[in-house]
Amino acid sequence: RNYSVSWSPFPDGSLQILLRYDDTYRSDLDALSQIYSPRVRWNITDRWYAEVAYERAVFDSPLELSDRSTYTASTRIWF
């Protein structure tokens, strides 16, 4: 199952709020993978944006259990 939602609270779309959720079960491995990822992107100008994101990934199988969290912040300017 994959779900994705995005919302832009301002008419010009300069601020974007995105949320993604992926849920995958592989019966051949008896493995469950889940990824939850919200992010916020601010389009400061037509050529400059800043983005903050979080991702949590969980993998669960009879052989392995892992839980990972990642935080990122980035900006991009192009000419």
N, C-alpha and C. Protein backbone atom coordinates (compact mmCIF):
# COMPACT_ATOMS: atom_id res chain seq x y z
N ARG A 1 0.84 -1.17 0.00
CA ARG A 1 0.00 0.00 0.00
C ARG A 1 0.88 1.23 0.00
N ASN A 2 0.52 2.17 -0.82
CA ASN A 2 1.24 3.44 -0.89
C ASN A 2 0.24 4.58 -0.80
N TYR A 3 0.53 5.52 0.07
CA TYR A 3 -0.33 6.68 0.22
C TYR A 3 0.54 7.92 0.12
N SER A 4 -0.02 8.95 -0.49
CA SER A 4 0.71 10.19 -0.64
C SER A 4 -0.28 11.34 -0.62
N VAL A 5 0.04 12.37 0.17
CA VAL A 5 -0.82 13.55 0.29
C VAL A 5 0.06 14.78 0.20
N SER A 6 -0.40 15.77 -0.52
CA SER A 6 0.32 17.03 -0.53
C SER A 6 -0.70 18.16 -0.36
N TRP A 7 -0.24 19.24 0.25
CA TRP A 7 -1.12 20.37 0.52
C TRP A 7 -0.31 21.64 0.41
N SER A 8 -0.88 22.62 -0.22
CA SER A 8 -0.24 23.92 -0.36
C SER A 8 -1.19 24.96 0.23
N PRO A 9 -0.89 25.49 1.42
CA PRO A 9 -1.83 26.38 2.10
C PRO A 9 -1.97 27.77 1.47
N PHE A 10 -1.06 28.14 0.59
CA PHE A 10 -1.13 29.46 -0.04
C PHE A 10 -1.45 29.31 -1.52
N PRO A 11 -2.20 30.26 -2.10
CA PRO A 11 -2.61 30.15 -3.51
C PRO A 11 -1.45 30.05 -4.49
N ASP A 12 -0.32 30.69 -4.21
CA ASP A 12 0.80 30.66 -5.15
C ASP A 12 1.64 29.39 -5.05
N GLY A 13 1.37 28.54 -4.07
CA GLY A 13 2.10 27.27 -3.93
C GLY A 13 3.51 27.43 -3.40
N SER A 14 3.82 28.55 -2.78
CA SER A 14 5.19 28.76 -2.30
C SER A 14 5.55 27.85 -1.12
N LEU A 15 4.57 27.40 -0.38
CA LEU A 15 4.81 26.46 0.73
C LEU A 15 4.07 25.17 0.41
N GLN A 16 4.79 24.05 0.47
CA GLN A 16 4.20 22.75 0.18
C GLN A 16 4.46 21.81 1.34
N ILE A 17 3.43 21.12 1.76
CA ILE A 17 3.53 20.13 2.82
C ILE A 17 3.18 18.78 2.20
N LEU A 18 4.10 17.83 2.32
CA LEU A 18 3.93 16.52 1.68
C LEU A 18 4.05 15.42 2.72
N LEU A 19 3.26 14.39 2.56
CA LEU A 19 3.30 13.24 3.47
C LEU A 19 3.21 11.98 2.63
N ARG A 20 4.12 11.04 2.86
CA ARG A 20 4.15 9.78 2.13
C ARG A 20 4.21 8.62 3.11
N TYR A 21 3.48 7.56 2.80
CA TYR A 21 3.51 6.35 3.60
C TYR A 21 3.51 5.14 2.66
N ASP A 22 4.47 4.27 2.82
CA ASP A 22 4.56 3.04 2.04
C ASP A 22 4.56 1.86 2.99
N ASP A 23 3.79 0.86 2.66
CA ASP A 23 3.66 -0.34 3.47
C ASP A 23 3.74 -1.54 2.53
N THR A 24 4.78 -2.37 2.68
CA THR A 24 4.98 -3.49 1.77
C THR A 24 5.18 -4.77 2.59
N TYR A 25 4.44 -5.81 2.21
CA TYR A 25 4.62 -7.10 2.84
C TYR A 25 5.02 -8.11 1.77
N ARG A 26 6.13 -8.81 2.01
CA ARG A 26 6.58 -9.86 1.08
C ARG A 26 6.36 -11.20 1.76
N SER A 27 5.37 -11.92 1.26
CA SER A 27 5.02 -13.21 1.89
C SER A 27 6.11 -14.26 1.72
N ASP A 28 6.87 -14.19 0.62
CA ASP A 28 7.94 -15.19 0.42
C ASP A 28 9.05 -15.05 1.46
N LEU A 29 9.25 -13.86 1.99
CA LEU A 29 10.26 -13.64 3.03
C LEU A 29 9.65 -13.43 4.41
N ASP A 30 8.33 -13.37 4.48
CA ASP A 30 7.62 -13.02 5.71
C ASP A 30 8.18 -11.71 6.28
N ALA A 31 8.31 -10.71 5.38
CA ALA A 31 8.96 -9.45 5.74
C ALA A 31 8.01 -8.27 5.52
N LEU A 32 8.03 -7.36 6.47
CA LEU A 32 7.22 -6.15 6.41
C LEU A 32 8.14 -4.94 6.37
N SER A 33 7.89 -4.06 5.43
CA SER A 33 8.65 -2.82 5.30
C SER A 33 7.68 -1.65 5.36
N GLN A 34 7.98 -0.67 6.21
CA GLN A 34 7.12 0.52 6.33
C GLN A 34 8.00 1.77 6.28
N ILE A 35 7.55 2.75 5.50
CA ILE A 35 8.26 4.02 5.40
C ILE A 35 7.25 5.14 5.58
N TYR A 36 7.57 6.05 6.50
CA TYR A 36 6.75 7.22 6.78
C TYR A 36 7.63 8.44 6.54
N SER A 37 7.17 9.37 5.70
CA SER A 37 8.04 10.48 5.32
C SER A 37 7.27 11.79 5.12
N PRO A 38 7.25 12.66 6.13
CA PRO A 38 6.71 14.00 5.93
C PRO A 38 7.83 14.96 5.50
N ARG A 39 7.47 15.97 4.72
CA ARG A 39 8.45 16.99 4.32
C ARG A 39 7.74 18.31 4.07
N VAL A 40 8.50 19.39 4.24
CA VAL A 40 8.00 20.74 3.99
C VAL A 40 8.97 21.40 3.03
N ARG A 41 8.42 21.99 1.97
CA ARG A 41 9.25 22.68 0.98
C ARG A 41 8.73 24.10 0.83
N TRP A 42 9.66 25.05 0.87
CA TRP A 42 9.33 26.46 0.71
C TRP A 42 10.03 26.95 -0.55
N ASN A 43 9.24 27.32 -1.55
CA ASN A 43 9.77 27.90 -2.79
C ASN A 43 9.95 29.40 -2.55
N ILE A 44 11.15 29.78 -2.17
CA ILE A 44 11.43 31.16 -1.78
C ILE A 44 11.30 32.09 -2.98
N THR A 45 11.88 31.68 -4.11
CA THR A 45 11.70 32.37 -5.39
C THR A 45 11.54 31.30 -6.46
N ASP A 46 11.44 31.71 -7.72
CA ASP A 46 11.35 30.74 -8.82
C ASP A 46 12.62 29.91 -8.95
N ARG A 47 13.73 30.39 -8.41
CA ARG A 47 15.02 29.72 -8.57
C ARG A 47 15.68 29.34 -7.24
N TRP A 48 14.91 29.32 -6.19
CA TRP A 48 15.49 29.03 -4.88
C TRP A 48 14.44 28.36 -4.01
N TYR A 49 14.80 27.21 -3.41
CA TYR A 49 13.89 26.58 -2.46
C TYR A 49 14.68 26.02 -1.27
N ALA A 50 13.97 25.84 -0.18
CA ALA A 50 14.51 25.20 1.02
C ALA A 50 13.55 24.08 1.40
N GLU A 51 14.11 22.97 1.90
CA GLU A 51 13.28 21.81 2.22
C GLU A 51 13.77 21.16 3.50
N VAL A 52 12.83 20.73 4.32
CA VAL A 52 13.12 20.00 5.55
C VAL A 52 12.31 18.71 5.48
N ALA A 53 12.97 17.59 5.81
CA ALA A 53 12.29 16.30 5.70
C ALA A 53 12.68 15.37 6.84
N TYR A 54 11.80 14.44 7.12
CA TYR A 54 12.02 13.38 8.10
C TYR A 54 11.58 12.07 7.43
N GLU A 55 12.32 11.01 7.69
CA GLU A 55 11.91 9.70 7.18
C GLU A 55 12.14 8.65 8.25
N ARG A 56 11.13 7.84 8.46
CA ARG A 56 11.27 6.71 9.38
C ARG A 56 10.99 5.44 8.59
N ALA A 57 11.94 4.52 8.62
CA ALA A 57 11.82 3.26 7.89
C ALA A 57 11.97 2.11 8.87
N VAL A 58 11.04 1.17 8.80
CA VAL A 58 11.05 -0.01 9.66
C VAL A 58 11.01 -1.24 8.76
N PHE A 59 11.91 -2.18 9.02
CA PHE A 59 11.95 -3.46 8.31
C PHE A 59 11.88 -4.56 9.34
N ASP A 60 10.92 -5.47 9.18
CA ASP A 60 10.72 -6.53 10.16
C ASP A 60 10.58 -7.86 9.44
N SER A 61 11.48 -8.79 9.73
CA SER A 61 11.42 -10.13 9.18
C SER A 61 11.92 -11.10 10.24
N PRO A 62 11.78 -12.39 10.04
CA PRO A 62 12.29 -13.35 11.03
C PRO A 62 13.81 -13.26 11.23
N LEU A 63 14.53 -12.75 10.24
CA LEU A 63 15.99 -12.68 10.34
C LEU A 63 16.52 -11.32 10.76
N GLU A 64 15.70 -10.28 10.63
CA GLU A 64 16.21 -8.94 10.87
C GLU A 64 15.09 -8.00 11.32
N LEU A 65 15.45 -7.10 12.21
CA LEU A 65 14.56 -6.02 12.61
C LEU A 65 15.38 -4.74 12.60
N SER A 66 14.97 -3.78 11.80
CA SER A 66 15.70 -2.51 11.78
C SER A 66 14.70 -1.36 11.82
N ASP A 67 15.12 -0.30 12.47
CA ASP A 67 14.31 0.90 12.61
C ASP A 67 15.25 2.08 12.42
N ARG A 68 15.01 2.86 11.38
CA ARG A 68 15.93 3.95 11.02
C ARG A 68 15.16 5.25 10.91
N SER A 69 15.72 6.31 11.46
CA SER A 69 15.15 7.65 11.33
C SER A 69 16.19 8.56 10.71
N THR A 70 15.75 9.38 9.74
CA THR A 70 16.65 10.28 9.04
C THR A 70 16.03 11.66 8.97
N TYR A 71 16.82 12.66 9.32
CA TYR A 71 16.40 14.06 9.20
C TYR A 71 17.29 14.73 8.16
N THR A 72 16.69 15.51 7.27
CA THR A 72 17.48 16.24 6.28
C THR A 72 16.95 17.66 6.12
N ALA A 73 17.85 18.54 5.80
CA ALA A 73 17.51 19.92 5.44
C ALA A 73 18.38 20.29 4.25
N SER A 74 17.77 20.91 3.26
CA SER A 74 18.53 21.26 2.06
C SER A 74 17.98 22.54 1.45
N THR A 75 18.82 23.15 0.66
CA THR A 75 18.40 24.31 -0.11
C THR A 75 19.06 24.21 -1.48
N ARG A 76 18.41 24.80 -2.45
CA ARG A 76 18.97 24.79 -3.81
C ARG A 76 18.70 26.13 -4.46
N ILE A 77 19.77 26.68 -5.04
CA ILE A 77 19.69 27.93 -5.80
C ILE A 77 20.30 27.67 -7.16
N TRP A 78 19.63 28.03 -8.22
CA TRP A 78 20.21 27.87 -9.54
C TRP A 78 20.04 29.17 -10.33
N PHE A 79 20.98 29.34 -11.29
CA PHE A 79 21.03 30.59 -12.06
C PHE A 79 20.67 30.35 -13.50
